[in-house]
């Protein structure tokens, strides 16, 4: 068995897809078990090649059922907690970044500034396992009753610093609605009140709010068939990349060089003000200054630009 640890969220799983496929190709005859949260199951099924999902949320003591794995792969972090967690499974071999604190010096050194996709491809390459960082596509899910060709606005994030102000999302939603977009607002159950606030301020009907009404498979289906996705640096943005859905992603405080879509894909536009100079001291509360610096006009212009790219590419293909 090959045991892979990636006990994180949607974007983390999406950025690990090339590494997972590289491992699948390297060990075609071995069962591949992914240790990740059970709620990711609908998305794991769209990756392909994963034989079993072992419910694992975060780090800590874990019960590894069955025989010891032949190979354990740390796609979770640089250790030491994740290294020790995998070592407890008593695998025949561990593929991981070096961490002397965990007593593990075999792997490559960690690069804090690496892009998350390339980080794990680089790790596997160190051990002779090729992985293609461009292999990000997910299988398309059934439509499952989701509205087709919708423009998806996702104002929420687990991290407050990554949330573009709700009133700006509302202004954006209002403009796009007047331009003929079928705007829907997504989010988790905890973000439902935020989504309703955005929709109400934009003059959208209540049924435009899908936050709290969709499970992960629904969201994947919605994004796969969407006209456009506008979100912060969160899981929905990675789903847009996986399906080639036109997107505008608002970054701050983390650089898109670490988590953004591939720079050679013109259907995806990133906006980040972190490269515009020094920023005032931040007290760590609310939206980060690099994100707050992005105005509604700028985001609308990016949406228009991406739509022009899509029209031109469609005309060329025809």
Protein backbone atom coordinates (compact mmCIF):
# COMPACT_ATOMS: atom_id res chain seq x y z
CA UNK A 1 0.00 0.00 0.00
CA UNK A 2 1.01 3.60 -0.69
CA UNK A 3 -0.10 5.98 2.08
CA UNK A 4 -0.32 9.69 1.25
CA UNK A 5 -0.96 12.36 3.90
CA UNK A 6 -2.79 15.53 2.79
CA UNK A 7 -5.14 16.24 5.68
CA UNK A 8 -6.17 19.73 4.57
CA UNK A 9 -8.87 21.52 2.50
CA UNK A 10 -10.15 21.90 -1.06
CA UNK A 11 -7.34 24.06 -2.44
CA UNK A 12 -4.75 21.85 -0.78
CA UNK A 13 -6.19 18.75 -2.42
CA UNK A 14 -6.50 20.44 -5.81
CA UNK A 15 -2.87 21.55 -5.76
CA UNK A 16 -1.75 18.02 -4.86
CA UNK A 17 -3.45 16.42 -7.89
CA UNK A 18 -0.29 16.28 -10.07
CA UNK A 19 1.65 14.63 -7.23
CA UNK A 20 -1.12 12.11 -6.59
CA UNK A 21 -1.22 11.20 -10.28
CA UNK A 22 2.56 10.90 -10.35
CA UNK A 23 2.40 8.44 -7.46
CA UNK A 24 -0.40 6.53 -9.15
CA UNK A 25 1.73 6.16 -12.30
CA UNK A 26 4.83 5.19 -10.30
CA UNK A 27 3.00 2.50 -8.32
CA UNK A 28 0.27 1.28 -10.68
CA UNK A 29 -0.23 -2.06 -8.92
CA UNK A 30 -0.26 -0.80 -5.32
CA UNK A 31 -3.41 0.37 -3.53
CA UNK A 32 -3.17 4.11 -2.93
CA UNK A 33 -4.69 5.40 0.33
CA UNK A 34 -5.12 9.13 0.84
CA UNK A 35 -5.26 10.39 4.44
CA UNK A 36 -7.49 13.47 4.23
CA UNK A 37 -10.75 14.76 5.74
CA UNK A 38 -13.78 12.58 4.90
CA UNK A 39 -15.79 15.59 3.70
CA UNK A 40 -13.43 15.85 0.72
CA UNK A 41 -14.67 12.48 -0.61
CA UNK A 42 -16.68 13.95 -3.54
CA UNK A 43 -13.59 15.79 -4.75
CA UNK A 44 -11.23 12.87 -4.14
CA UNK A 45 -13.47 10.81 -6.44
CA UNK A 46 -12.86 13.36 -9.21
CA UNK A 47 -9.08 13.07 -8.95
CA UNK A 48 -8.98 9.44 -10.06
CA UNK A 49 -6.51 6.80 -8.99
CA UNK A 50 -7.14 7.02 -5.25
CA UNK A 51 -8.32 3.64 -3.98
CA UNK A 52 -9.24 4.62 -0.44
CA UNK A 53 -9.87 7.76 1.57
CA UNK A 54 -8.80 7.48 5.19
CA UNK A 55 -10.58 10.12 7.28
CA UNK A 56 -7.78 12.27 8.72
CA UNK A 57 -8.36 15.86 9.76
CA UNK A 58 -5.17 17.74 10.59
CA UNK A 59 -2.25 16.40 12.56
CA UNK A 60 -2.21 14.32 15.69
CA UNK A 61 -2.29 10.71 16.83
CA UNK A 62 -3.72 8.52 14.09
CA UNK A 63 -4.73 4.91 13.78
CA UNK A 64 -3.34 3.40 10.62
CA UNK A 65 -5.42 0.27 9.95
CA UNK A 66 -4.10 -2.79 8.17
CA UNK A 67 -0.51 -3.73 7.40
CA UNK A 68 2.28 -1.17 7.38
CA UNK A 69 2.44 0.74 4.09
CA UNK A 70 5.25 0.03 1.68
CA UNK A 71 5.69 3.77 1.07
CA UNK A 72 4.34 6.74 3.04
CA UNK A 73 4.37 10.16 1.35
CA UNK A 74 4.15 13.46 3.21
CA UNK A 75 2.24 15.95 1.04
CA UNK A 76 1.04 17.74 4.16
CA UNK A 77 3.98 19.90 5.16
CA UNK A 78 7.62 20.05 6.14
CA UNK A 79 7.27 18.39 9.55
CA UNK A 80 8.04 17.55 12.22
CA UNK A 81 4.46 16.71 13.25
CA UNK A 82 3.44 15.32 9.86
CA UNK A 83 6.69 13.34 9.58
CA UNK A 84 6.18 11.74 12.99
CA UNK A 85 2.55 11.03 12.21
CA UNK A 86 3.53 9.04 9.12
CA UNK A 87 6.44 7.35 10.89
CA UNK A 88 3.91 5.94 13.37
CA UNK A 89 2.51 3.83 10.51
CA UNK A 90 5.92 2.10 10.35
CA UNK A 91 6.21 2.34 6.56
CA UNK A 92 8.97 0.67 4.64
CA UNK A 93 9.99 4.04 3.23
CA UNK A 94 9.01 7.70 3.72
CA UNK A 95 9.09 10.32 0.97
CA UNK A 96 9.23 13.73 2.61
CA UNK A 97 11.11 16.99 2.90
CA UNK A 98 14.10 16.95 5.21
CA UNK A 99 13.45 17.85 8.83
CA UNK A 100 16.29 17.22 11.29
CA UNK A 101 13.98 17.93 14.24
CA UNK A 102 11.96 14.87 13.24
CA UNK A 103 15.14 12.88 12.66
CA UNK A 104 14.54 12.88 8.92
CA UNK A 105 17.36 14.14 6.68
CA UNK A 106 16.81 12.05 3.57
CA UNK A 107 14.68 14.42 1.49
CA UNK A 108 15.24 17.80 -0.20
CA UNK A 109 15.27 21.06 1.73
CA UNK A 110 11.99 22.93 2.07
CA UNK A 111 11.54 26.06 -0.08
CA UNK A 112 9.09 28.41 1.62
CA UNK A 113 8.54 30.47 -1.56
CA UNK A 114 7.81 27.58 -3.93
CA UNK A 115 4.45 27.35 -5.66
CA UNK A 116 2.30 24.78 -3.88
CA UNK A 117 1.84 22.61 -6.98
CA UNK A 118 5.52 22.57 -7.87
CA UNK A 119 6.51 22.02 -4.24
CA UNK A 120 5.11 18.48 -4.25
CA UNK A 121 6.23 17.67 -7.80
CA UNK A 122 9.74 18.70 -6.74
CA UNK A 123 9.57 16.44 -3.70
CA UNK A 124 8.63 13.43 -5.79
CA UNK A 125 11.27 14.25 -8.42
CA UNK A 126 13.90 14.05 -5.66
CA UNK A 127 12.92 10.41 -5.20
CA UNK A 128 12.77 9.65 -8.92
CA UNK A 129 8.99 9.91 -9.28
CA UNK A 130 7.98 12.21 -12.17
CA UNK A 131 4.89 14.38 -11.82
CA UNK A 132 3.56 16.96 -14.28
CA UNK A 133 2.66 20.26 -12.53
CA UNK A 134 0.30 21.10 -15.41
CA UNK A 135 -1.81 17.99 -14.76
CA UNK A 136 -4.41 19.84 -12.68
CA UNK A 137 -7.66 18.86 -14.40
CA UNK A 138 -10.35 17.09 -12.40
CA UNK A 139 -12.96 14.76 -13.85
CA UNK A 140 -16.22 16.56 -14.59
CA UNK A 141 -18.99 15.70 -12.13
CA UNK A 142 -22.68 15.25 -12.99
CA UNK A 143 -24.47 18.60 -13.23
CA UNK A 144 -26.65 17.59 -10.23
CA UNK A 145 -29.25 20.32 -10.76
CA UNK A 146 -26.80 23.21 -10.52
CA UNK A 147 -27.57 26.27 -12.70
CA UNK A 148 -25.44 26.17 -15.87
CA UNK A 149 -23.41 29.12 -17.17
CA UNK A 150 -23.72 30.98 -13.87
CA UNK A 151 -21.26 33.64 -12.73
CA UNK A 152 -20.08 32.43 -9.34
CA UNK A 153 -19.10 34.97 -6.70
CA UNK A 154 -17.51 33.47 -3.59
CA UNK A 155 -16.99 36.19 -0.97
CA UNK A 156 -15.96 34.00 1.95
CA UNK A 157 -12.76 32.48 3.27
CA UNK A 158 -11.77 30.71 6.45
CA UNK A 159 -9.10 33.38 6.85
CA UNK A 160 -10.46 36.88 7.47
CA UNK A 161 -7.41 38.53 5.89
CA UNK A 162 -8.30 36.89 2.56
CA UNK A 163 -11.86 38.28 2.40
CA UNK A 164 -12.43 41.11 -0.03
CA UNK A 165 -14.98 43.50 1.57
CA UNK A 166 -18.58 42.30 1.29
CA UNK A 167 -19.82 45.67 0.03
CA UNK A 168 -17.40 45.46 -2.91
CA UNK A 169 -18.59 41.96 -3.77
CA UNK A 170 -22.13 43.37 -3.68
CA UNK A 171 -21.21 46.23 -6.02
CA UNK A 172 -19.52 43.76 -8.36
CA UNK A 173 -22.56 41.46 -8.28
CA UNK A 174 -24.86 44.39 -9.10
CA UNK A 175 -22.78 45.44 -12.09
CA UNK A 176 -22.48 41.92 -13.46
CA UNK A 177 -26.19 41.31 -13.01
CA UNK A 178 -26.96 44.47 -15.01
CA UNK A 179 -24.59 43.25 -17.73
CA UNK A 180 -26.60 40.05 -18.12
CA UNK A 181 -24.65 37.65 -15.92
CA UNK A 182 -26.63 35.05 -13.99
CA UNK A 183 -24.96 35.74 -10.65
CA UNK A 184 -24.99 33.23 -7.80
CA UNK A 185 -23.26 33.61 -4.44
CA UNK A 186 -21.61 30.56 -2.90
CA UNK A 187 -20.07 29.72 0.45
CA UNK A 188 -20.15 27.33 3.35
CA UNK A 189 -23.02 27.03 5.81
CA UNK A 190 -21.10 29.36 8.15
CA UNK A 191 -20.90 31.94 5.34
CA UNK A 192 -24.60 31.92 4.49
CA UNK A 193 -25.34 35.22 6.26
CA UNK A 194 -22.42 36.86 4.42
CA UNK A 195 -23.73 35.56 1.08
CA UNK A 196 -27.25 36.83 1.82
CA UNK A 197 -25.84 40.22 2.77
CA UNK A 198 -23.97 40.43 -0.54
CA UNK A 199 -26.99 39.31 -2.56
CA UNK A 200 -29.40 41.67 -0.81
CA UNK A 201 -27.11 44.69 -1.26
CA UNK A 202 -26.70 43.77 -4.95
CA UNK A 203 -30.45 43.48 -5.49
CA UNK A 204 -30.26 39.76 -6.29
CA UNK A 205 -33.17 37.44 -5.48
CA UNK A 206 -32.81 35.15 -2.42
CA UNK A 207 -32.51 32.06 -4.62
CA UNK A 208 -29.25 33.47 -5.99
CA UNK A 209 -27.67 32.51 -2.67
CA UNK A 210 -26.34 28.95 -2.82
CA UNK A 211 -24.18 29.25 0.31
CA UNK A 212 -25.06 26.53 2.80
CA UNK A 213 -27.30 24.77 0.26
CA UNK A 214 -24.64 22.86 -1.66
CA UNK A 215 -22.24 20.07 -0.85
CA UNK A 216 -18.77 19.80 -2.32
CA UNK A 217 -19.88 17.75 -5.33
CA UNK A 218 -22.51 20.40 -6.16
CA UNK A 219 -19.93 23.16 -5.98
CA UNK A 220 -17.59 21.26 -8.31
CA UNK A 221 -20.46 20.77 -10.78
CA UNK A 222 -21.41 24.44 -10.54
CA UNK A 223 -17.86 25.65 -11.18
CA UNK A 224 -17.28 23.14 -13.99
CA UNK A 225 -20.15 24.63 -16.01
CA UNK A 226 -19.86 28.26 -14.87
CA UNK A 227 -19.45 31.27 -17.11
CA UNK A 228 -17.08 32.95 -14.65
CA UNK A 229 -15.76 32.59 -11.10
CA UNK A 230 -14.68 35.54 -8.96
CA UNK A 231 -13.26 34.69 -5.55
CA UNK A 232 -10.48 35.24 -3.12
CA UNK A 233 -7.54 32.88 -2.74
CA UNK A 234 -9.61 29.88 -1.67
CA UNK A 235 -10.73 26.42 -2.80
CA UNK A 236 -13.27 27.58 -5.39
CA UNK A 237 -10.48 29.35 -7.30
CA UNK A 238 -8.58 26.06 -7.58
CA UNK A 239 -11.70 24.32 -8.87
CA UNK A 240 -11.94 26.96 -11.60
CA UNK A 241 -8.36 26.19 -12.59
CA UNK A 242 -9.08 22.45 -12.56
CA UNK A 243 -12.01 22.87 -14.97
CA UNK A 244 -10.59 25.65 -17.14
CA UNK A 245 -13.46 27.90 -16.04
CA UNK A 246 -12.71 31.61 -16.61
CA UNK A 247 -11.79 33.18 -13.29
CA UNK A 248 -10.59 36.30 -11.53
CA UNK A 249 -8.83 35.58 -8.24
CA UNK A 250 -8.20 38.29 -5.66
CA UNK A 251 -5.01 37.75 -3.68
CA UNK A 252 -3.83 39.09 -0.38
CA UNK A 253 -1.81 38.65 1.77
CA UNK A 254 -0.26 35.57 0.09
CA UNK A 255 1.38 36.08 -3.31
CA UNK A 256 -0.16 34.35 -6.35
CA UNK A 257 3.36 33.12 -7.06
CA UNK A 258 2.71 30.59 -4.28
CA UNK A 259 -0.96 29.70 -4.75
CA UNK A 260 -2.17 31.21 -8.02
CA UNK A 261 -3.27 29.50 -11.23
CA UNK A 262 -0.59 28.75 -13.84
CA UNK A 263 0.62 32.00 -15.37
CA UNK A 264 0.38 30.61 -18.91
CA UNK A 265 -3.43 30.16 -18.76
CA UNK A 266 -5.09 33.37 -19.96
CA UNK A 267 -8.57 32.26 -18.82
CA UNK A 268 -7.45 32.91 -15.25
CA UNK A 269 -6.54 36.40 -14.09
CA UNK A 270 -5.01 37.17 -10.72
CA UNK A 271 -5.17 40.54 -9.00
CA UNK A 272 -2.68 41.33 -6.26
CA UNK A 273 -1.58 44.70 -4.97
CA UNK A 274 1.34 43.30 -3.01
CA UNK A 275 3.76 44.32 -5.73
CA UNK A 276 2.74 48.00 -5.70
CA UNK A 277 4.98 49.21 -2.91
CA UNK A 278 5.08 49.42 0.85
CA UNK A 279 1.91 48.98 2.88
CA UNK A 280 0.87 50.61 6.15
CA UNK A 281 1.24 48.66 9.35
CA UNK A 282 -1.58 46.15 9.71
CA UNK A 283 -3.11 45.17 13.05
CA UNK A 284 -4.01 41.68 11.82
CA UNK A 285 -7.77 42.34 11.91
CA UNK A 286 -10.05 42.19 8.87
CA UNK A 287 -9.08 42.36 5.21
CA UNK A 288 -5.36 42.55 4.51
CA UNK A 289 -4.25 45.90 2.98
CA UNK A 290 -3.00 44.23 -0.21
CA UNK A 291 -6.52 42.91 -0.81
CA UNK A 292 -8.33 46.02 0.39
CA UNK A 293 -6.38 47.98 -2.23
CA UNK A 294 -8.29 46.22 -5.03
CA UNK A 295 -11.24 48.31 -6.20
CA UNK A 296 -14.49 47.26 -7.86
CA UNK A 297 -13.57 48.96 -11.15
CA UNK A 298 -10.34 46.98 -11.31
CA UNK A 299 -12.11 43.68 -10.71
CA UNK A 300 -14.82 44.48 -13.28
CA UNK A 301 -12.13 45.32 -15.83
CA UNK A 302 -10.43 41.97 -15.14
CA UNK A 303 -13.74 40.13 -15.66
CA UNK A 304 -14.23 41.93 -18.98
CA UNK A 305 -10.67 41.15 -20.02
CA UNK A 306 -11.03 37.43 -19.29
CA UNK A 307 -14.33 37.32 -21.17
CA UNK A 308 -12.65 38.93 -24.20
CA UNK A 309 -9.93 36.28 -24.06
CA UNK A 310 -12.58 33.54 -23.99
CA UNK A 311 -14.46 35.07 -26.94
CA UNK A 312 -11.28 35.43 -29.00
CA UNK A 313 -10.09 31.90 -28.21
CA UNK A 314 -13.54 30.55 -29.12
CA UNK A 315 -13.51 32.42 -32.41
CA UNK A 316 -10.02 31.14 -33.24
CA UNK A 317 -11.04 27.55 -32.38
CA UNK A 318 -14.11 27.88 -34.63
